[in-house]
């Protein structure tokens, strides 16, 4: 493995961006989105005719942010908007009969959902309601019979950059609506919200996504939006990074829809006072703590099931697992076993769950090949949701593993690319500055990982409420005089039984009590 210095790291990072970095002014015209003009003209007509307009969102971060952007836009143009996010437990996913029974509107538009809503489109048609679908998920073979469908992944859509999230789709569409209405709205004012959705929905941080996230993170630092004020007060940092959003903010926003009701998070993002935003954020914090406890229990049980299974795709199921954490549990199984994982929560005769993938395995395609066992499913390459009868679980497990057999073995290799080995003396603030200059990090621009081979564990101590995390003092190379402190989450190392470890790690900035320090985070320990 290559031994690196600062100049070679700079060179390797620069090579990730072959083309010149995109500017916000280079974002393609929203009119290139298929059906966008038709959708916008209908919404504009509804506004002019004083018709009732409703938006139906989704209960994950992307769906909540999408809904918040729509709500805030309609506030600015001073037109009433009925906003509904389905409850995961009472309604199920997306626009459906249950949700429609509560909405009295002439025009309904969806955000971050609807591409599979065939039944909902039929109900709307029968009621004389114009349904406009805005989504970014992979379209099925049979599309809903809606008034308009705006999805960059639709065949024939000319929008040049396809890897955008649901919040971006509605943001672009509302930009077009602003143009149609000749409204005085600054679409850039939504970027503090938009960047949260792009990061949380694991969109590749390249092309226009990179430009939007960069500007959005900067806006978060000075926006007067009450939610943004609370976020920066909570993080208490001189600079907010994409990882701060991914690990500290997104899970809190997600916890509302996972465990209770997404309206809690929507009210946080749309709060008109810092007091209201603070109250909602506190609720999200409590829900997130409960989510961690519920998740830990389910992960332990799921691992025990998975250890007894063979095959390339893990499919585990149990009654009583909280439906709101199965996606996170699937991610933990992927990390642990380096296989795609599907985790199902059984409730009576039905099982509902989430799939997560790795490497180049298209989990959506594998699930689609076994649709005959399912009641419904939806998603994209790396993540999906599904519902099926309990009696079909075993047949589905066999079927999806048969489908996976044709994939090359290398498709299952995690994309955990390690850049190389760092000499101990290269780990300093100058290196941190170089790494920061290539932010934001995330999908398609991962934070560089380095490798420590057979590092000596000089000292170790546990931390955390349950003492399940470790602070390690490592000597990276036998000849080194200096040592470095590493943080290792969810694993305890005892130097008496493990005197040396090999691991991958990242270099990060740690800010605490107005003091800045280098922080080395262990990504993976190689047994």
Protein backbone atom coordinates (compact mmCIF):
# COMPACT_ATOMS: atom_id res chain seq x y z
CA UNK A 1 0.00 0.00 0.00
CA UNK A 2 1.26 3.44 -0.96
CA UNK A 3 2.97 5.61 1.70
CA UNK A 4 1.58 9.13 1.38
CA UNK A 5 2.71 12.66 2.05
CA UNK A 6 0.73 15.91 1.87
CA UNK A 7 1.45 16.65 -1.78
CA UNK A 8 0.40 13.16 -2.93
CA UNK A 9 -2.83 13.41 -0.89
CA UNK A 10 -3.61 16.77 -2.49
CA UNK A 11 -2.98 15.29 -5.93
CA UNK A 12 -5.20 12.25 -5.31
CA UNK A 13 -8.08 14.37 -4.01
CA UNK A 14 -7.83 16.84 -6.90
CA UNK A 15 -8.02 13.93 -9.37
CA UNK A 16 -11.54 13.11 -8.12
CA UNK A 17 -12.82 16.23 -9.87
CA UNK A 18 -11.68 15.96 -13.46
CA UNK A 19 -14.06 18.65 -14.72
CA UNK A 20 -14.14 22.20 -13.47
CA UNK A 21 -16.31 22.58 -10.38
CA UNK A 22 -19.90 23.57 -11.14
CA UNK A 23 -21.30 26.92 -10.02
CA UNK A 24 -24.90 27.51 -8.93
CA UNK A 25 -25.40 29.52 -12.12
CA UNK A 26 -24.72 26.32 -14.08
CA UNK A 27 -27.65 24.36 -12.58
CA UNK A 28 -29.61 23.06 -15.61
CA UNK A 29 -32.94 24.71 -16.41
CA UNK A 30 -35.76 23.05 -14.39
CA UNK A 31 -37.89 23.18 -17.56
CA UNK A 32 -35.80 20.22 -18.81
CA UNK A 33 -37.54 18.01 -16.24
CA UNK A 34 -40.23 16.04 -18.05
CA UNK A 35 -43.78 17.32 -17.37
CA UNK A 36 -42.38 20.20 -15.26
CA UNK A 37 -43.94 22.94 -17.41
CA UNK A 38 -47.29 21.16 -17.43
CA UNK A 39 -47.18 20.73 -13.63
CA UNK A 40 -46.23 24.34 -13.00
CA UNK A 41 -48.93 25.75 -15.30
CA UNK A 42 -51.56 23.69 -13.45
CA UNK A 43 -50.38 24.86 -10.00
CA UNK A 44 -50.21 28.48 -11.24
CA UNK A 45 -53.76 28.14 -12.64
CA UNK A 46 -54.92 26.76 -9.27
CA UNK A 47 -53.41 29.77 -7.50
CA UNK A 48 -55.02 32.23 -9.93
CA UNK A 49 -58.41 30.49 -9.57
CA UNK A 50 -58.08 30.24 -5.77
CA UNK A 51 -58.34 26.45 -5.84
CA UNK A 52 -57.33 24.27 -2.90
CA UNK A 53 -53.77 22.92 -3.20
CA UNK A 54 -52.22 20.14 -1.08
CA UNK A 55 -48.78 18.59 -0.80
CA UNK A 56 -48.14 15.00 0.34
CA UNK A 57 -44.63 14.30 1.61
CA UNK A 58 -42.68 11.38 3.04
CA UNK A 59 -41.51 10.64 6.57
CA UNK A 60 -37.74 10.44 5.94
CA UNK A 61 -35.38 13.45 5.96
CA UNK A 62 -35.65 14.02 2.20
CA UNK A 63 -39.46 13.86 2.32
CA UNK A 64 -39.72 16.13 5.38
CA UNK A 65 -37.32 18.71 3.92
CA UNK A 66 -39.17 18.54 0.57
CA UNK A 67 -42.44 19.27 2.37
CA UNK A 68 -40.83 22.08 4.39
CA UNK A 69 -39.51 23.77 1.24
CA UNK A 70 -42.99 23.61 -0.32
CA UNK A 71 -44.61 24.98 2.86
CA UNK A 72 -42.09 27.82 3.15
CA UNK A 73 -42.43 28.73 -0.56
CA UNK A 74 -46.22 28.97 -0.31
CA UNK A 75 -45.86 31.10 2.83
CA UNK A 76 -43.69 33.53 0.87
CA UNK A 77 -46.21 33.82 -1.98
CA UNK A 78 -48.96 34.09 0.68
CA UNK A 79 -51.09 31.27 -0.66
CA UNK A 80 -52.61 28.57 1.60
CA UNK A 81 -51.17 25.07 1.25
CA UNK A 82 -52.50 21.91 2.89
CA UNK A 83 -49.40 19.93 3.98
CA UNK A 84 -49.63 16.24 4.88
CA UNK A 85 -46.93 13.71 5.67
CA UNK A 86 -48.21 10.12 6.03
CA UNK A 87 -47.80 8.44 9.39
CA UNK A 88 -45.64 5.35 8.90
CA UNK A 89 -47.77 3.26 11.28
CA UNK A 90 -51.30 4.43 10.43
CA UNK A 91 -50.98 5.28 6.74
CA UNK A 92 -47.99 3.43 5.37
CA UNK A 93 -45.79 4.95 2.68
CA UNK A 94 -46.55 7.83 0.34
CA UNK A 95 -49.75 9.14 -1.17
CA UNK A 96 -52.41 6.41 -0.74
CA UNK A 97 -56.10 5.84 0.02
CA UNK A 98 -55.60 6.43 3.76
CA UNK A 99 -53.90 9.81 3.21
CA UNK A 100 -56.32 10.90 0.48
CA UNK A 101 -59.30 10.27 2.79
CA UNK A 102 -58.07 13.23 4.90
CA UNK A 103 -57.40 15.68 2.06
CA UNK A 104 -59.98 17.93 0.43
CA UNK A 105 -58.19 19.63 -2.48
CA UNK A 106 -58.47 20.36 -6.19
CA UNK A 107 -54.76 19.86 -6.90
CA UNK A 108 -52.43 17.53 -4.99
CA UNK A 109 -48.71 17.37 -5.60
CA UNK A 110 -46.39 14.82 -4.02
CA UNK A 111 -42.80 15.34 -2.95
CA UNK A 112 -40.23 12.50 -2.68
CA UNK A 113 -42.93 9.88 -3.35
CA UNK A 114 -45.69 8.88 -5.74
CA UNK A 115 -43.88 7.19 -8.62
CA UNK A 116 -45.52 3.86 -7.65
CA UNK A 117 -48.87 5.34 -6.51
CA UNK A 118 -51.10 3.70 -9.13
CA UNK A 119 -54.06 3.28 -6.75
CA UNK A 120 -53.83 6.88 -5.46
CA UNK A 121 -53.80 8.24 -9.03
CA UNK A 122 -56.93 6.23 -9.77
CA UNK A 123 -58.71 7.60 -6.66
CA UNK A 124 -57.73 11.17 -7.59
CA UNK A 125 -59.04 10.70 -11.12
CA UNK A 126 -62.36 9.39 -9.80
CA UNK A 127 -62.63 12.41 -7.46
CA UNK A 128 -61.72 14.90 -10.18
CA UNK A 129 -58.50 15.86 -8.41
CA UNK A 130 -55.41 16.65 -10.49
CA UNK A 131 -52.49 14.65 -9.05
CA UNK A 132 -48.98 15.91 -9.81
CA UNK A 133 -46.20 13.51 -8.83
CA UNK A 134 -42.70 14.82 -8.05
CA UNK A 135 -40.27 12.06 -7.14
CA UNK A 136 -36.72 10.85 -7.74
CA UNK A 137 -37.08 7.11 -7.16
CA UNK A 138 -36.74 4.48 -9.88
CA UNK A 139 -39.98 4.35 -11.92
CA UNK A 140 -41.80 0.99 -12.18
CA UNK A 141 -42.93 -0.46 -15.52
CA UNK A 142 -46.51 0.69 -14.90
CA UNK A 143 -46.71 4.38 -14.09
CA UNK A 144 -49.58 6.03 -12.20
CA UNK A 145 -52.18 7.72 -14.40
CA UNK A 146 -51.45 11.17 -12.96
CA UNK A 147 -51.95 14.67 -14.37
CA UNK A 148 -48.17 15.12 -14.51
CA UNK A 149 -45.11 13.15 -13.37
CA UNK A 150 -41.83 14.93 -12.67
CA UNK A 151 -38.99 12.45 -12.03
CA UNK A 152 -35.47 12.80 -13.48
CA UNK A 153 -35.21 9.01 -13.76
CA UNK A 154 -38.20 8.74 -16.09
CA UNK A 155 -37.37 7.50 -19.57
CA UNK A 156 -37.32 10.45 -21.92
CA UNK A 157 -36.60 13.04 -19.21
CA UNK A 158 -33.98 15.46 -20.57
CA UNK A 159 -32.67 16.75 -17.27
CA UNK A 160 -28.92 16.11 -17.64
CA UNK A 161 -28.05 15.29 -14.01
CA UNK A 162 -30.18 12.41 -12.73
CA UNK A 163 -28.78 11.86 -9.22
CA UNK A 164 -30.87 14.41 -7.36
CA UNK A 165 -33.06 13.88 -4.31
CA UNK A 166 -36.77 14.57 -3.87
CA UNK A 167 -36.13 17.95 -2.23
CA UNK A 168 -34.09 19.04 -5.24
CA UNK A 169 -36.87 18.02 -7.63
CA UNK A 170 -39.47 20.15 -5.81
CA UNK A 171 -36.98 23.02 -5.33
CA UNK A 172 -36.35 23.07 -9.08
CA UNK A 173 -40.08 22.85 -9.82
CA UNK A 174 -40.87 25.70 -7.41
CA UNK A 175 -38.15 27.75 -9.11
CA UNK A 176 -40.07 27.25 -12.33
CA UNK A 177 -43.32 28.19 -10.56
CA UNK A 178 -41.68 31.37 -9.28
CA UNK A 179 -40.82 32.21 -12.89
CA UNK A 180 -44.39 31.45 -14.03
CA UNK A 181 -45.94 33.59 -11.26
CA UNK A 182 -43.25 36.29 -11.54
CA UNK A 183 -43.02 36.01 -7.75
CA UNK A 184 -40.44 37.80 -5.64
CA UNK A 185 -38.90 34.71 -3.99
CA UNK A 186 -35.18 34.06 -3.50
CA UNK A 187 -34.79 30.33 -4.26
CA UNK A 188 -31.29 30.51 -2.74
CA UNK A 189 -32.88 31.14 0.66
CA UNK A 190 -33.91 27.45 0.81
CA UNK A 191 -30.38 26.06 0.42
CA UNK A 192 -29.83 25.63 4.17
CA UNK A 193 -32.76 23.15 4.11
CA UNK A 194 -31.92 21.66 0.73
CA UNK A 195 -28.35 20.69 1.66
CA UNK A 196 -29.68 18.66 4.62
CA UNK A 197 -31.80 16.53 2.25
CA UNK A 198 -29.00 16.05 -0.31
CA UNK A 199 -26.61 14.84 2.41
CA UNK A 200 -29.16 12.71 4.31
CA UNK A 201 -30.42 10.98 1.15
CA UNK A 202 -26.81 10.06 0.26
CA UNK A 203 -26.77 11.81 -3.09
CA UNK A 204 -23.35 11.87 -4.82
CA UNK A 205 -21.56 15.07 -3.80
CA UNK A 206 -20.42 15.90 -7.31
CA UNK A 207 -21.63 18.20 -10.10
CA UNK A 208 -24.51 20.48 -9.03
CA UNK A 209 -24.97 18.58 -5.74
CA UNK A 210 -21.51 19.68 -4.61
CA UNK A 211 -22.24 23.33 -5.41
CA UNK A 212 -25.63 23.22 -3.64
CA UNK A 213 -24.26 21.56 -0.49
CA UNK A 214 -21.29 23.95 -0.28
CA UNK A 215 -23.55 26.99 -0.50
CA UNK A 216 -26.17 25.42 1.79
CA UNK A 217 -23.65 24.67 4.55
CA UNK A 218 -22.39 28.26 4.34
CA UNK A 219 -25.98 29.54 4.58
CA UNK A 220 -26.60 27.36 7.65
CA UNK A 221 -23.90 29.38 9.44
CA UNK A 222 -25.74 32.71 9.07
CA UNK A 223 -29.36 31.99 8.10
CA UNK A 224 -32.04 33.69 10.22
CA UNK A 225 -34.30 30.65 9.83
CA UNK A 226 -35.11 29.57 13.43
CA UNK A 227 -34.34 25.90 12.64
CA UNK A 228 -30.91 26.86 11.25
CA UNK A 229 -30.18 28.97 14.34
CA UNK A 230 -30.96 25.97 16.58
CA UNK A 231 -28.85 23.62 14.42
CA UNK A 232 -25.77 25.83 14.61
CA UNK A 233 -26.28 26.48 18.34
CA UNK A 234 -26.51 22.73 18.91
CA UNK A 235 -23.41 21.90 16.84
CA UNK A 236 -21.52 24.90 18.30
CA UNK A 237 -18.83 24.87 15.60
CA UNK A 238 -17.03 27.54 13.61
CA UNK A 239 -17.86 25.60 10.44
CA UNK A 240 -20.59 23.03 9.79
CA UNK A 241 -19.60 20.04 7.64
CA UNK A 242 -21.62 17.51 5.66
CA UNK A 243 -20.66 14.89 8.27
CA UNK A 244 -22.14 17.04 11.05
CA UNK A 245 -25.42 16.97 9.14
CA UNK A 246 -25.19 13.25 8.31
CA UNK A 247 -24.39 12.05 11.84
CA UNK A 248 -25.81 14.70 14.18
CA UNK A 249 -28.77 16.39 12.50
CA UNK A 250 -30.26 13.94 9.96
CA UNK A 251 -30.81 11.12 12.53
CA UNK A 252 -32.74 13.54 14.75
CA UNK A 253 -34.98 14.70 11.90
CA UNK A 254 -35.44 11.08 10.81
CA UNK A 255 -36.38 9.89 14.29
CA UNK A 256 -39.76 11.67 14.19
CA UNK A 257 -41.09 9.68 11.23
CA UNK A 258 -39.37 6.50 12.35
CA UNK A 259 -40.84 6.42 15.85
CA UNK A 260 -43.79 8.79 16.12
CA UNK A 261 -44.90 11.31 13.48
CA UNK A 262 -42.90 13.30 10.94
CA UNK A 263 -44.96 16.41 11.72
CA UNK A 264 -42.68 16.99 14.74
CA UNK A 265 -39.69 17.43 12.41
CA UNK A 266 -41.71 19.45 9.88
CA UNK A 267 -42.75 21.85 12.65
CA UNK A 268 -39.08 22.17 13.63
CA UNK A 269 -37.96 23.06 10.11
CA UNK A 270 -40.88 25.47 9.55
CA UNK A 271 -40.88 27.04 13.04
CA UNK A 272 -41.40 30.79 12.97
CA UNK A 273 -39.66 31.44 16.30
CA UNK A 274 -36.47 30.08 17.86
CA UNK A 275 -38.50 29.10 20.93
CA UNK A 276 -40.78 26.85 18.83
CA UNK A 277 -37.78 25.44 16.91
CA UNK A 278 -35.99 24.71 20.20
CA UNK A 279 -39.04 22.90 21.65
CA UNK A 280 -39.39 20.71 18.54
CA UNK A 281 -35.63 20.01 18.42
CA UNK A 282 -35.74 18.86 22.06
CA UNK A 283 -38.53 16.42 21.14
CA UNK A 284 -36.44 15.15 18.22
CA UNK A 285 -33.47 14.66 20.58
CA UNK A 286 -35.57 12.53 22.96
CA UNK A 287 -36.94 10.45 20.08
CA UNK A 288 -33.43 9.94 18.75
CA UNK A 289 -32.23 8.62 22.13
CA UNK A 290 -35.15 6.17 22.20
CA UNK A 291 -34.30 5.20 18.60
CA UNK A 292 -30.73 4.33 19.65
CA UNK A 293 -31.96 2.05 22.46
CA UNK A 294 -34.54 0.32 20.25
CA UNK A 295 -32.01 -0.04 17.45
CA UNK A 296 -29.29 -1.58 19.68
CA UNK A 297 -31.65 -4.32 20.86
CA UNK A 298 -32.83 -5.15 17.33
CA UNK A 299 -29.27 -5.11 15.94
CA UNK A 300 -28.11 -7.69 18.51
CA UNK A 301 -31.02 -10.00 17.61
CA UNK A 302 -30.58 -9.50 13.85
CA UNK A 303 -26.85 -10.30 14.06
CA UNK A 304 -27.67 -13.55 15.90
CA UNK A 305 -30.09 -14.54 13.09
CA UNK A 306 -27.68 -13.51 10.33
CA UNK A 307 -24.79 -15.52 11.76
CA UNK A 308 -26.77 -18.71 11.10
CA UNK A 309 -27.49 -17.84 7.47
CA UNK A 310 -25.69 -18.59 4.23
CA UNK A 311 -26.12 -16.88 0.87
CA UNK A 312 -25.14 -13.54 -0.63
CA UNK A 313 -28.14 -11.54 0.63
CA UNK A 314 -29.23 -11.55 4.28
CA UNK A 315 -32.99 -11.63 4.92
CA UNK A 316 -33.92 -11.56 8.62
CA UNK A 317 -37.36 -11.14 10.17
CA UNK A 318 -38.88 -10.98 13.64
CA UNK A 319 -42.13 -10.00 15.28
CA UNK A 320 -41.82 -6.98 17.55
CA UNK A 321 -38.94 -5.21 15.84
CA UNK A 322 -39.80 -1.52 15.63
CA UNK A 323 -40.73 -0.75 12.05
CA UNK A 324 -38.99 2.61 12.34
CA UNK A 325 -35.49 1.19 12.92
CA UNK A 326 -35.35 -1.71 10.44
CA UNK A 327 -33.50 0.44 7.87
CA UNK A 328 -30.77 1.31 10.37
CA UNK A 329 -30.56 -2.34 11.47
CA UNK A 330 -30.10 -3.37 7.81
CA UNK A 331 -27.24 -0.86 7.49
CA UNK A 332 -25.56 -2.32 10.59
CA UNK A 333 -25.82 -5.85 9.12
CA UNK A 334 -24.24 -4.62 5.86
CA UNK A 335 -21.34 -3.14 7.84
CA UNK A 336 -20.91 -6.29 9.94
CA UNK A 337 -21.25 -9.01 7.29
CA UNK A 338 -20.37 -7.07 4.12
CA UNK A 339 -23.49 -8.40 2.38
CA UNK A 340 -26.72 -6.68 1.27
CA UNK A 341 -29.30 -7.00 4.05
CA UNK A 342 -33.10 -6.96 4.26
CA UNK A 343 -34.64 -6.57 7.71
CA UNK A 344 -38.36 -7.26 8.15
CA UNK A 345 -40.66 -6.39 11.04
CA UNK A 346 -43.51 -8.90 11.36
CA UNK A 347 -46.95 -7.67 12.39
CA UNK A 348 -49.59 -10.38 12.26
CA UNK A 349 -49.66 -11.91 8.77
CA UNK A 350 -47.66 -9.09 7.14
CA UNK A 351 -43.96 -8.22 7.17
CA UNK A 352 -42.65 -4.78 6.35
CA UNK A 353 -39.03 -3.85 6.01
CA UNK A 354 -36.03 -2.14 4.51
CA UNK A 355 -33.15 -3.21 2.32
CA UNK A 356 -29.63 -1.78 2.23
CA UNK A 357 -26.85 -2.66 -0.20
CA UNK A 358 -23.12 -2.24 -0.75
CA UNK A 359 -20.54 -2.21 -3.52
CA UNK A 360 -22.14 -2.48 -6.96
CA UNK A 361 -25.12 -4.62 -5.93
CA UNK A 362 -28.38 -3.06 -7.19
CA UNK A 363 -30.70 -4.19 -4.41
CA UNK A 364 -33.75 -2.61 -6.08
CA UNK A 365 -33.18 -4.75 -9.18
CA UNK A 366 -32.77 -7.95 -7.10
CA UNK A 367 -36.01 -7.20 -5.24
CA UNK A 368 -37.84 -6.40 -8.50
CA UNK A 369 -36.80 -9.80 -9.91
CA UNK A 370 -38.68 -11.38 -6.97
CA UNK A 371 -41.75 -9.13 -7.06
CA UNK A 372 -44.05 -12.16 -7.26
CA UNK A 373 -43.46 -12.77 -3.52
CA UNK A 374 -44.20 -9.16 -2.56
CA UNK A 375 -47.27 -7.01 -1.98
CA UNK A 376 -45.35 -3.82 -2.83
CA UNK A 377 -41.85 -2.38 -2.99
CA UNK A 378 -40.00 0.76 -4.03
CA UNK A 379 -36.64 2.46 -3.75
CA UNK A 380 -33.36 2.76 -5.61
CA UNK A 381 -30.02 1.03 -6.19
CA UNK A 382 -28.68 1.11 -2.63
CA UNK A 383 -31.86 1.16 -0.52
CA UNK A 384 -35.45 -0.02 -0.80
CA UNK A 385 -38.61 -0.69 1.17
CA UNK A 386 -40.90 -3.70 0.82
CA UNK A 387 -44.03 -5.39 2.19
CA UNK A 388 -44.97 -9.06 1.90
CA UNK A 389 -47.02 -11.82 3.50
CA UNK A 390 -45.19 -13.65 6.31
CA UNK A 391 -45.79 -16.96 4.52
CA UNK A 392 -43.70 -15.68 1.57
CA UNK A 393 -40.59 -14.70 3.55
CA UNK A 394 -38.75 -18.01 3.12
CA UNK A 395 -39.51 -18.23 -0.61
CA UNK A 396 -38.42 -14.60 -1.05
CA UNK A 397 -35.15 -15.29 0.82
CA UNK A 398 -34.41 -18.25 -1.47
CA UNK A 399 -35.46 -16.31 -4.59
CA UNK A 400 -33.37 -13.21 -3.97
CA UNK A 401 -30.30 -15.31 -3.20
CA UNK A 402 -30.83 -17.21 -6.45
CA UNK A 403 -31.03 -13.88 -8.30
CA UNK A 404 -27.84 -12.69 -6.59
CA UNK A 405 -25.88 -15.78 -7.70
CA UNK A 406 -25.45 -14.41 -11.22
CA UNK A 407 -23.68 -11.27 -9.95
CA UNK A 408 -19.87 -11.23 -10.07
CA UNK A 409 -18.20 -11.63 -6.66
CA UNK A 410 -16.48 -8.25 -7.00
CA UNK A 411 -19.91 -6.55 -7.02
CA UNK A 412 -20.14 -7.42 -3.30
CA UNK A 413 -16.86 -5.67 -2.42
CA UNK A 414 -17.57 -2.67 -0.15
CA UNK A 415 -16.43 0.65 -1.57
CA UNK A 416 -14.30 1.33 1.47
CA UNK A 417 -11.36 2.67 -0.47
CA UNK A 418 -8.22 3.28 1.55
CA UNK A 419 -5.97 6.00 0.17
CA UNK A 420 -2.74 4.72 1.71
CA UNK A 421 -0.47 4.76 4.76
CA UNK A 422 0.42 7.96 6.63
CA UNK A 423 3.74 8.46 8.40
CA UNK A 424 2.97 9.65 11.96
CA UNK A 425 4.68 13.02 11.42
CA UNK A 426 2.34 13.84 8.49
CA UNK A 427 -0.67 13.89 10.81
CA UNK A 428 -0.97 17.57 11.70
CA UNK A 429 -3.09 20.71 11.22
CA UNK A 430 -1.58 21.39 7.81
CA UNK A 431 -2.90 18.04 6.58
CA UNK A 432 -6.28 18.84 8.12
CA UNK A 433 -6.40 22.10 6.14
CA UNK A 434 -5.66 20.22 2.91
CA UNK A 435 -8.46 17.75 3.64
CA UNK A 436 -10.88 20.56 4.49
CA UNK A 437 -10.21 22.26 1.16
CA UNK A 438 -11.84 19.30 -0.64
CA UNK A 439 -15.04 19.26 1.44
CA UNK A 440 -17.95 18.56 1.40
CA UNK A 441 -17.34 14.84 1.80
CA UNK A 442 -20.00 12.22 1.27
CA UNK A 443 -21.23 9.87 -1.46
CA UNK A 444 -18.86 9.93 -4.52
CA UNK A 445 -16.40 12.13 -2.60
CA UNK A 446 -15.68 10.11 0.52
CA UNK A 447 -13.50 11.48 3.30
CA UNK A 448 -10.04 9.96 2.75
CA UNK A 449 -9.34 6.83 4.74
CA UNK A 450 -5.82 5.87 5.79
CA UNK A 451 -4.45 2.53 6.93
CA UNK A 452 -2.60 1.68 10.12
CA UNK A 453 -0.91 -1.71 9.87
CA UNK A 454 -0.18 -3.61 13.06
CA UNK A 455 -0.18 -0.45 15.19
CA UNK A 456 0.84 -0.87 18.83
CA UNK A 457 -1.97 -0.30 21.36
CA UNK A 458 -0.07 1.73 23.95
CA UNK A 459 -3.13 2.54 26.05
CA UNK A 460 -6.91 2.01 25.89
CA UNK A 461 -9.89 3.22 27.89
CA UNK A 462 -13.62 2.94 27.41
CA UNK A 463 -16.14 5.79 27.33
CA UNK A 464 -19.86 6.35 26.82
CA UNK A 465 -22.83 5.64 29.10
CA UNK A 466 -22.46 1.88 28.61
CA UNK A 467 -18.65 1.92 28.15
CA UNK A 468 -19.03 0.42 24.67
CA UNK A 469 -16.63 2.82 22.89
CA UNK A 470 -12.82 3.04 23.09
CA UNK A 471 -10.17 5.77 23.19
CA UNK A 472 -6.95 4.22 21.96
CA UNK A 473 -3.40 5.56 22.08
CA UNK A 474 -1.61 3.99 19.08
CA UNK A 475 1.98 3.95 17.94
CA UNK A 476 1.52 3.70 14.17
CA UNK A 477 5.03 2.45 13.36
CA UNK A 478 7.53 0.66 15.65
CA UNK A 479 10.21 3.36 15.15
CA UNK A 480 7.84 6.27 16.00
CA UNK A 481 8.55 8.38 19.06
CA UNK A 482 5.14 10.02 18.90
CA UNK A 483 1.74 8.41 19.47
CA UNK A 484 -1.77 9.45 18.39
CA UNK A 485 -5.16 9.12 20.06
CA UNK A 486 -7.90 7.33 18.11
CA UNK A 487 -11.64 7.06 18.75
CA UNK A 488 -13.26 3.67 18.12
CA UNK A 489 -17.05 3.48 18.37
CA UNK A 490 -19.07 0.37 19.31
CA UNK A 491 -16.02 -1.77 20.12
CA UNK A 492 -13.86 -2.31 23.21
CA UNK A 493 -10.14 -3.06 22.83
CA UNK A 494 -8.12 -4.61 25.66
CA UNK A 495 -4.34 -4.11 25.14
CA UNK A 496 -3.57 -7.23 27.20
CA UNK A 497 -5.34 -9.45 24.65
CA UNK A 498 -5.00 -7.17 21.61
CA UNK A 499 -1.54 -5.53 21.79
CA UNK A 500 -1.61 -4.56 18.09
CA UNK A 501 -4.39 -3.66 15.65
CA UNK A 502 -4.71 -2.96 11.94
CA UNK A 503 -7.39 -0.44 11.06
CA UNK A 504 -8.60 2.18 8.61
CA UNK A 505 -9.22 5.67 9.95
CA UNK A 506 -10.11 9.24 9.02
CA UNK A 507 -8.68 12.55 10.13
CA UNK A 508 -11.21 15.08 11.42
CA UNK A 509 -11.42 18.41 13.21
CA UNK A 510 -12.82 18.26 16.74
CA UNK A 511 -14.26 21.43 18.30
CA UNK A 512 -15.11 21.41 21.99
CA UNK A 513 -15.38 24.36 24.40
CA UNK A 514 -13.94 26.65 21.71
CA UNK A 515 -10.85 24.46 21.43
CA UNK A 516 -9.88 22.84 18.15
CA UNK A 517 -8.01 19.52 18.07
CA UNK A 518 -7.23 16.77 15.58
CA UNK A 519 -9.43 13.72 15.89
CA UNK A 520 -8.60 10.34 14.41
CA UNK A 521 -11.68 8.13 13.98
CA UNK A 522 -11.30 4.40 13.39
CA UNK A 523 -13.52 3.32 10.49
CA UNK A 524 -12.89 -0.39 10.60
CA UNK A 525 -10.73 -2.82 12.57
CA UNK A 526 -9.27 -5.66 10.50
CA UNK A 527 -9.24 -8.86 12.54
